[in-house]
Structures are given as structure tokens and as C-alpha cells.
Amino acid sequence: MSVSKNVNVLLADDKVTRKGSGIQLIFGIMLIIISIWVQLITSMGIFLNILLPIGIILIASSFLIVINQYDRAIVLRLGVYKKQVRPGIHTRIPLIDNVLVIDIREKVREFNAERMLTKDNVPVTIDAILRYKILEERANDALLNVENFNEMIKQVSQTTLRNNIGSSLFQEILSKREEINHAIKSIISKESYNWGIMVTGVEIRQVIIPQELESAMSMQAQAEREKQARVTYGESEIQVAQKFLDASRIYSNNPVAYALRQSNMLYETMKIHENTIIMIPSESLNSMGFGNLGATVAYLQNLKTGLEDTAKRDTKDLG
């Protein structure tokens, strides 16, 4: 907005403004003429003292414009490009100079491709965003080389996205988004450079597929997980069987080791069932080498002593 409160006309999707129509100059001259005419007819100096300064201020302000820090402007003198101006206060010639101001801050534009078929004939809808900004030194290109750079870059982005999706497989769209984003950005950047626009980023936000296809893919994924679970379970069974086979070979060649293993199993069973009477067949004792009654009693006594010692240690630890 200029210091003279120039009328701003919005152009190009509300991103370009025209400053300084010269209306202040006209109003200022009219106020001066009216103040002088009233003074001559009525001899009332109050009108001259009020209207004359206002008219002078309007005339002076019509020669000035203010450009914001985030804006850049170009001056068209009698319709011909004259210069590009930076932020600050600048002068212009009213009714002759036309000042166009453009916002150079980074912008975000949404675009999409609806119901596109991928290379493997999967219907998808793609939502994406485009980030871009006007190059400071080439603001005149964005204003003079294209009618509406915002709409133009949106259309180019949609067309590029459609072409890229149509040449890609569905799985590539899901797994290679970064590569697709980079490819789309490169193509759009080549087009937009002629307009003084730099593309800073392209991102695919969402890939939408029909509900029935989504259900089928979910069932397929579930079946794959179940298949993998069964394969894993089968492999674990093979590993367990192999370990048992290795153990059987060791025990078959070493009866003492087998007897010690049986003794340990018996001890663990009695340890768990402390106050429970466990009936042990004599054949089992004979197989472990405890066929002699005395040896058996001594073994059981040792087990009992071991259990009592264990209980005492546990009680001590708890205390």
C-alpha cells in the first residue's frame, strides 16, 4: 500500500497488485480548485486553509509508492517496461507509470490426478502439493511472460503428475514416492524457469484406490502374513527336531549322561511338587541305576535335603 493510499487492483489470482492509479493527483487538483473558487466567491478563508493543504498532500503522495519487504515491483511507463524496484519508498509519475507488485514469498499449491490408470491398470487418485516462489531478480518475467503464473503452474503440475503416474506401476507409486517426487519436480522446474519461478519441492501426500481394491489388497497381505507365519513355524519344528536328534545321539552313546539327565528331570519334578507324593515305577529307577533299595533311599534323602536347603535359602532371601 502506498503512502498516498493508492487504489489497489487485484490481479492474477490475488497475487499481483497494481499500485498508483493517479486518482490522488486528480482529487488533489480538484480540492485546490474548489478551495480557491470558494475563497473567491464567499471570501471564507477557512475553506482555503483546510482544503488547500489536503489537496497539496494528495498531489505530493501521488508521486510516491511504498513496496513491502516481501514484495517486488516493476514499473511500466506508458505500457513499456521501465525498471524493477526493490522494497522501500519510490517515486513515480502519476497517470503515466503503472506499478505492478508481486509477492515473492514461498507459496504452496495443491494439485491432484483423479481416477488415473497406472501402467498395470490400477485406478488411483493422487493428491500432491507443490512449493514454489518467485525469483527475486526475475519478478518481471513472472509478470510479463505469463498471464497468471499461479494457474499456469497448477495446470503444468497436474499434467506432469498424470503423465508420470500413467507410466509407473502401482507398487512403484507406493514404494518409490521420493523418486516420483524428484522426477515431477525436475519437469515442472524446467517449465517454470521461463516464468521466473523456482520450484522448491513436490510431495505426494495421499494415494487413494477404490474400496474394493483396497479390501482385496488387505486380504492378500493377510494371506501373505499367514503364509510367512506357517513357514516360520515349520522351520522352527525342523530346528527342534534336529536338536532332539542330536541329543538322542549323545545319550545313545553315553548311558551315564542319559542317567544324569533322567535324574535331573526327576529332581526338577520333585522340586516343583514339594508336598506332592510322586509314584515312580521301579523300572524307571532301574533304568537310572537305582534298582538297589538302599541306593534309592539314599538318593531320595539327598533330594529331600537339597529341597530343604533350597527352601531355606528362598526364605532367607525373602526375609
Protein backbone atom coordinates (compact mmCIF):
# COMPACT_ATOMS: atom_id res chain seq x y z
CA MET A 1 0.00 0.00 0.00
CA SER A 2 1.42 3.44 -0.89
CA VAL A 3 1.67 6.43 1.46
CA SER A 4 -0.90 8.20 -0.70
CA LYS A 5 -3.48 5.42 -0.13
CA ASN A 6 -3.41 4.44 -3.77
CA VAL A 7 -6.20 2.24 -5.03
CA ASN A 8 -5.00 -1.35 -5.37
CA VAL A 9 -6.41 -3.53 -8.14
CA LEU A 10 -6.03 -7.31 -7.58
CA LEU A 11 -4.75 -9.33 -10.50
CA ALA A 12 -3.57 -12.86 -11.26
CA ASP A 13 -5.27 -14.87 -8.55
CA ASP A 14 -4.84 -12.20 -5.86
CA LYS A 15 -1.04 -12.45 -6.03
CA VAL A 16 -0.32 -9.32 -8.10
CA THR A 17 -1.45 -5.80 -7.28
CA ARG A 18 -1.44 -2.61 -9.29
CA LYS A 19 -0.46 0.44 -7.29
CA GLY A 20 -0.86 4.10 -8.07
CA SER A 21 -3.76 4.84 -10.41
CA GLY A 22 -3.25 8.63 -10.22
CA ILE A 23 -6.61 9.23 -8.60
CA GLN A 24 -4.90 11.14 -5.76
CA LEU A 25 -3.49 13.64 -8.23
CA ILE A 26 -6.93 14.26 -9.69
CA PHE A 27 -8.55 14.67 -6.26
CA GLY A 28 -5.76 16.93 -5.08
CA ILE A 29 -6.12 19.26 -8.07
CA MET A 30 -9.89 19.30 -7.66
CA LEU A 31 -9.62 20.24 -3.96
CA ILE A 32 -7.23 23.08 -4.73
CA ILE A 33 -9.53 24.41 -7.45
CA ILE A 34 -12.59 24.11 -5.19
CA SER A 35 -10.83 25.84 -2.28
CA ILE A 36 -9.73 28.75 -4.50
CA TRP A 37 -13.19 29.04 -6.08
CA VAL A 38 -14.93 29.08 -2.71
CA GLN A 39 -12.46 31.68 -1.45
CA LEU A 40 -13.18 33.94 -4.41
CA ILE A 41 -16.96 33.64 -4.12
CA THR A 42 -17.51 33.63 -0.34
CA SER A 43 -14.31 35.20 0.92
CA MET A 44 -14.25 32.49 3.63
CA GLY A 45 -10.60 31.68 4.31
CA ILE A 46 -11.47 28.61 6.36
CA PHE A 47 -12.14 26.55 3.23
CA LEU A 48 -8.83 27.65 1.72
CA ASN A 49 -6.95 26.81 4.91
CA ILE A 50 -8.46 23.30 5.12
CA LEU A 51 -8.89 22.16 1.54
CA LEU A 52 -5.69 23.61 0.15
CA PRO A 53 -3.29 21.61 2.42
CA ILE A 54 -5.28 18.43 1.82
CA GLY A 55 -5.06 18.92 -1.92
CA ILE A 56 -1.31 19.54 -1.74
CA ILE A 57 -0.80 16.39 0.35
CA LEU A 58 -2.78 14.29 -2.13
CA ILE A 59 -0.78 15.66 -5.07
CA ALA A 60 2.53 15.01 -3.32
CA SER A 61 1.53 11.49 -2.26
CA SER A 62 0.52 10.58 -5.79
CA PHE A 63 4.22 10.72 -6.72
CA LEU A 64 5.20 8.19 -4.02
CA ILE A 65 4.73 4.43 -3.59
CA VAL A 66 5.80 2.04 -0.80
CA ILE A 67 6.96 -1.51 -1.57
CA ASN A 68 6.90 -4.04 1.30
CA GLN A 69 9.92 -6.16 2.20
CA TYR A 70 8.30 -9.35 0.86
CA ASP A 71 7.23 -7.69 -2.42
CA ARG A 72 8.94 -6.77 -5.65
CA ALA A 73 7.54 -4.37 -8.23
CA ILE A 74 8.02 -3.36 -11.84
CA VAL A 75 7.24 -0.03 -13.44
CA LEU A 76 5.51 0.20 -16.83
CA ARG A 77 5.83 3.68 -18.29
CA LEU A 78 3.17 4.26 -20.92
CA GLY A 79 2.82 0.47 -21.14
CA VAL A 80 6.55 -0.20 -21.67
CA TYR A 81 8.71 -1.98 -19.09
CA LYS A 82 10.90 0.62 -17.40
CA LYS A 83 12.52 -0.93 -14.35
CA GLN A 84 12.17 -3.24 -11.36
CA VAL A 85 12.06 -1.66 -7.90
CA ARG A 86 13.04 -3.11 -4.52
CA PRO A 87 11.35 -2.62 -1.12
CA GLY A 88 11.13 0.89 0.25
CA ILE A 89 9.75 4.27 -0.83
CA HIS A 90 9.98 5.11 -4.54
CA THR A 91 8.79 7.85 -6.85
CA ARG A 92 6.62 7.53 -9.92
CA ILE A 93 4.91 9.73 -12.46
CA PRO A 94 1.14 9.71 -11.84
CA LEU A 95 -1.11 8.69 -14.74
CA ILE A 96 1.99 7.66 -16.73
CA ASP A 97 3.67 4.99 -14.63
CA ASN A 98 1.83 1.76 -13.88
CA VAL A 99 3.33 -0.14 -10.90
CA LEU A 100 2.75 -3.92 -10.63
CA VAL A 101 3.67 -5.56 -7.32
CA ILE A 102 4.24 -9.29 -6.81
CA ASP A 103 4.65 -11.34 -3.63
CA ILE A 104 7.94 -13.30 -3.68
CA ARG A 105 7.31 -15.39 -0.55
CA GLU A 106 7.20 -19.17 -0.91
CA LYS A 107 3.76 -20.47 -1.86
CA VAL A 108 2.01 -23.82 -1.57
CA ARG A 109 -0.36 -25.10 -4.24
CA GLU A 110 -2.45 -28.27 -4.06
CA PHE A 111 -2.99 -30.35 -7.18
CA ASN A 112 -4.23 -33.86 -7.92
CA ALA A 113 -4.81 -36.50 -10.56
CA GLU A 114 -8.26 -38.08 -10.28
CA ARG A 115 -9.00 -41.69 -11.35
CA MET A 116 -5.78 -42.21 -13.22
CA LEU A 117 -4.76 -45.64 -14.52
CA THR A 118 -1.27 -46.78 -13.66
CA LYS A 119 0.89 -48.78 -16.05
CA ASP A 120 -0.59 -52.02 -14.67
CA ASN A 121 -4.18 -50.65 -14.98
CA VAL A 122 -4.82 -49.85 -11.32
CA PRO A 123 -7.18 -46.84 -10.88
CA VAL A 124 -5.73 -44.33 -8.41
CA THR A 125 -6.35 -40.77 -7.26
CA ILE A 126 -3.22 -38.85 -6.28
CA ASP A 127 -3.14 -35.77 -4.05
CA ALA A 128 0.06 -33.73 -4.03
CA ILE A 129 1.39 -30.33 -3.04
CA LEU A 130 3.75 -28.01 -4.89
CA ARG A 131 6.01 -25.47 -3.20
CA TYR A 132 7.41 -22.62 -5.28
CA LYS A 133 8.42 -18.99 -5.13
CA ILE A 134 9.19 -16.09 -7.45
CA LEU A 135 12.88 -15.48 -8.09
CA GLU A 136 13.69 -12.03 -6.77
CA GLU A 137 15.78 -10.95 -9.74
CA ARG A 138 13.25 -12.29 -12.25
CA ALA A 139 9.98 -10.91 -10.91
CA ASN A 140 9.47 -9.10 -14.23
CA ASP A 141 9.36 -12.46 -16.06
CA ALA A 142 6.58 -13.73 -13.79
CA LEU A 143 4.56 -10.59 -14.50
CA LEU A 144 5.28 -10.12 -18.20
CA ASN A 145 5.86 -13.62 -19.65
CA VAL A 146 2.70 -15.34 -18.38
CA GLU A 147 -0.84 -14.12 -17.79
CA ASN A 148 -1.44 -15.93 -14.49
CA PHE A 149 1.59 -17.80 -13.21
CA ASN A 150 -0.34 -19.43 -10.34
CA GLU A 151 -2.90 -21.07 -12.61
CA MET A 152 -0.24 -21.93 -15.17
CA ILE A 153 1.98 -23.79 -12.73
CA LYS A 154 -1.03 -25.62 -11.32
CA GLN A 155 -2.02 -26.91 -14.77
CA VAL A 156 1.54 -27.93 -15.60
CA SER A 157 1.82 -29.78 -12.28
CA GLN A 158 -1.39 -31.73 -12.88
CA THR A 159 -0.36 -32.69 -16.40
CA THR A 160 3.10 -33.79 -15.27
CA LEU A 161 1.65 -35.84 -12.42
CA ARG A 162 -0.80 -37.61 -14.74
CA ASN A 163 1.93 -38.47 -17.24
CA ASN A 164 4.22 -39.78 -14.52
CA ILE A 165 1.51 -41.90 -12.87
CA GLY A 166 0.44 -43.34 -16.20
CA SER A 167 3.97 -44.61 -16.86
CA SER A 168 4.53 -46.09 -13.38
CA LEU A 169 3.48 -49.36 -11.78
CA PHE A 170 1.20 -49.23 -8.76
CA GLN A 171 3.81 -50.75 -6.43
CA GLU A 172 6.36 -48.18 -7.62
CA ILE A 173 3.99 -45.37 -6.66
CA LEU A 174 3.71 -46.79 -3.15
CA SER A 175 7.37 -47.66 -2.62
CA LYS A 176 9.21 -45.05 -4.70
CA ARG A 177 7.48 -41.80 -3.82
CA GLU A 178 10.73 -39.90 -3.38
CA GLU A 179 11.87 -40.80 -6.88
CA ILE A 180 8.50 -39.81 -8.36
CA ASN A 181 8.54 -36.52 -6.42
CA HIS A 182 12.00 -35.74 -7.75
CA ALA A 183 11.03 -36.59 -11.34
CA ILE A 184 7.92 -34.39 -11.22
CA LYS A 185 9.87 -31.54 -9.64
CA SER A 186 12.52 -31.69 -12.37
CA ILE A 187 9.97 -31.48 -15.18
CA ILE A 188 8.00 -28.64 -13.59
CA SER A 189 11.20 -26.73 -12.82
CA LYS A 190 12.22 -26.72 -16.49
CA GLU A 191 8.85 -25.29 -17.50
CA SER A 192 8.56 -22.72 -14.72
CA TYR A 193 12.08 -21.32 -15.08
CA ASN A 194 10.94 -19.34 -18.13
CA TRP A 195 8.41 -17.57 -15.89
CA GLY A 196 10.94 -16.63 -13.21
CA ILE A 197 9.60 -19.27 -10.80
CA MET A 198 11.71 -21.70 -8.78
CA VAL A 199 10.09 -24.97 -7.65
CA THR A 200 11.31 -25.79 -4.13
CA GLY A 201 9.51 -29.10 -3.61
CA VAL A 202 6.88 -31.60 -4.78
CA GLU A 203 5.34 -34.11 -2.38
CA ILE A 204 2.72 -36.81 -2.96
CA ARG A 205 0.50 -36.68 0.12
CA GLN A 206 -2.03 -39.43 -0.47
CA VAL A 207 -2.69 -42.33 -2.85
CA ILE A 208 -6.38 -43.28 -2.94
CA ILE A 209 -7.60 -46.51 -4.53
CA PRO A 210 -11.15 -47.94 -4.88
CA GLN A 211 -12.59 -49.56 -1.75
CA GLU A 212 -12.99 -52.99 -3.34
CA LEU A 213 -9.36 -52.98 -4.46
CA GLU A 214 -8.25 -51.89 -1.01
CA SER A 215 -10.16 -54.83 0.53
CA ALA A 216 -8.57 -57.27 -1.92
CA MET A 217 -5.10 -55.94 -1.14
CA SER A 218 -5.79 -56.25 2.59
CA MET A 219 -6.83 -59.89 2.15
CA GLN A 220 -3.73 -60.57 0.07
CA ALA A 221 -1.49 -59.01 2.70
CA GLN A 222 -3.17 -61.05 5.43
CA ALA A 223 -2.71 -64.25 3.43
CA GLU A 224 0.96 -63.42 2.92
CA ARG A 225 1.42 -62.89 6.66
CA GLU A 226 -0.29 -66.20 7.47
CA LYS A 227 1.87 -67.96 4.90
CA GLN A 228 5.01 -66.49 6.40
CA ALA A 229 3.87 -67.46 9.91
CA ARG A 230 3.33 -71.08 8.85
CA VAL A 231 6.69 -71.20 7.12
CA THR A 232 8.37 -69.83 10.24
CA TYR A 233 6.56 -72.38 12.43
CA GLY A 234 7.62 -75.24 10.13
CA GLU A 235 11.24 -74.08 10.16
CA SER A 236 11.19 -73.96 13.98
CA GLU A 237 9.81 -77.52 14.11
CA ILE A 238 12.68 -78.68 11.90
CA GLN A 239 15.20 -77.00 14.16
CA VAL A 240 13.66 -78.51 17.30
CA ALA A 241 13.60 -81.99 15.73
CA GLN A 242 17.25 -81.61 14.74
CA LYS A 243 18.19 -80.70 18.30
CA PHE A 244 16.32 -83.75 19.65
CA LEU A 245 18.11 -85.93 17.11
CA ASP A 246 21.48 -84.58 18.23
CA ALA A 247 20.55 -85.19 21.88
CA SER A 248 19.47 -88.76 21.16
CA ARG A 249 22.82 -89.49 19.52
CA ILE A 250 24.66 -88.21 22.59
CA TYR A 251 22.51 -90.18 25.03
CA SER A 252 22.69 -93.39 22.96
CA ASN A 253 26.49 -93.35 23.05
CA ASN A 254 26.73 -92.30 26.72
CA PRO A 255 24.41 -94.09 29.17
CA VAL A 256 25.81 -92.12 32.11
CA ALA A 257 24.78 -88.84 30.54
CA TYR A 258 21.32 -90.25 29.90
CA ALA A 259 21.01 -91.37 33.54
CA LEU A 260 22.12 -87.95 34.77
CA ARG A 261 19.54 -86.31 32.55
CA GLN A 262 16.80 -88.53 33.98
CA SER A 263 17.95 -87.74 37.49
CA ASN A 264 17.83 -84.04 36.79
CA MET A 265 14.31 -84.34 35.36
CA LEU A 266 13.23 -86.24 38.49
CA TYR A 267 14.81 -83.63 40.75
CA GLU A 268 13.12 -80.77 38.94
CA THR A 269 9.76 -82.56 39.17
CA MET A 270 10.07 -83.08 42.91
CA LYS A 271 11.28 -79.52 43.38
CA ILE A 272 8.16 -78.15 41.72
CA HIS A 273 5.80 -80.51 43.55
CA GLU A 274 7.26 -80.12 47.05
CA ASN A 275 4.39 -81.59 49.10
CA THR A 276 3.14 -83.99 46.47
CA ILE A 277 3.77 -87.75 46.52
CA ILE A 278 5.03 -88.88 43.13
CA MET A 279 4.83 -92.54 42.21
CA ILE A 280 7.94 -93.64 40.31
CA PRO A 281 7.91 -97.05 38.63
CA SER A 282 10.72 -99.34 39.66
CA GLU A 283 11.62 -99.87 36.02
CA SER A 284 12.41 -96.15 35.80
CA LEU A 285 14.63 -96.38 38.87
CA ASN A 286 16.36 -99.44 37.42
CA SER A 287 16.97 -97.61 34.15
CA MET A 288 18.61 -94.80 36.12
CA GLY A 289 20.74 -97.26 38.09
CA PHE A 290 18.70 -97.08 41.31
CA GLY A 291 17.47 -100.68 41.42
CA ASN A 292 19.09 -101.19 44.82
CA LEU A 293 16.71 -100.10 47.56
CA GLY A 294 19.43 -98.62 49.72
CA ALA A 295 20.77 -96.57 46.89
CA THR A 296 17.27 -95.40 46.10
CA VAL A 297 16.62 -94.33 49.69
CA ALA A 298 19.92 -92.50 49.81
CA TYR A 299 19.14 -90.74 46.55
CA LEU A 300 15.70 -89.66 47.75
CA GLN A 301 17.19 -88.47 51.05
CA ASN A 302 19.68 -86.35 49.18
CA LEU A 303 16.85 -84.91 47.11
CA LYS A 304 14.92 -84.05 50.26
CA THR A 305 17.94 -82.37 51.80
CA GLY A 306 18.50 -80.40 48.65
CA LEU A 307 14.89 -79.25 48.61
CA GLU A 308 15.06 -78.15 52.25
CA ASP A 309 18.25 -76.20 51.64
CA THR A 310 16.66 -74.52 48.68
CA ALA A 311 13.57 -73.59 50.71
CA LYS A 312 15.76 -72.13 53.48
CA ARG A 313 17.69 -70.01 51.02
CA ASP A 314 14.49 -68.74 49.49
CA THR A 315 13.09 -67.87 52.92
CA LYS A 316 16.32 -66.08 53.82
CA ASP A 317 16.26 -64.10 50.61
CA LEU A 318 12.67 -63.06 51.21
CA GLY A 319 13.45 -62.05 54.79
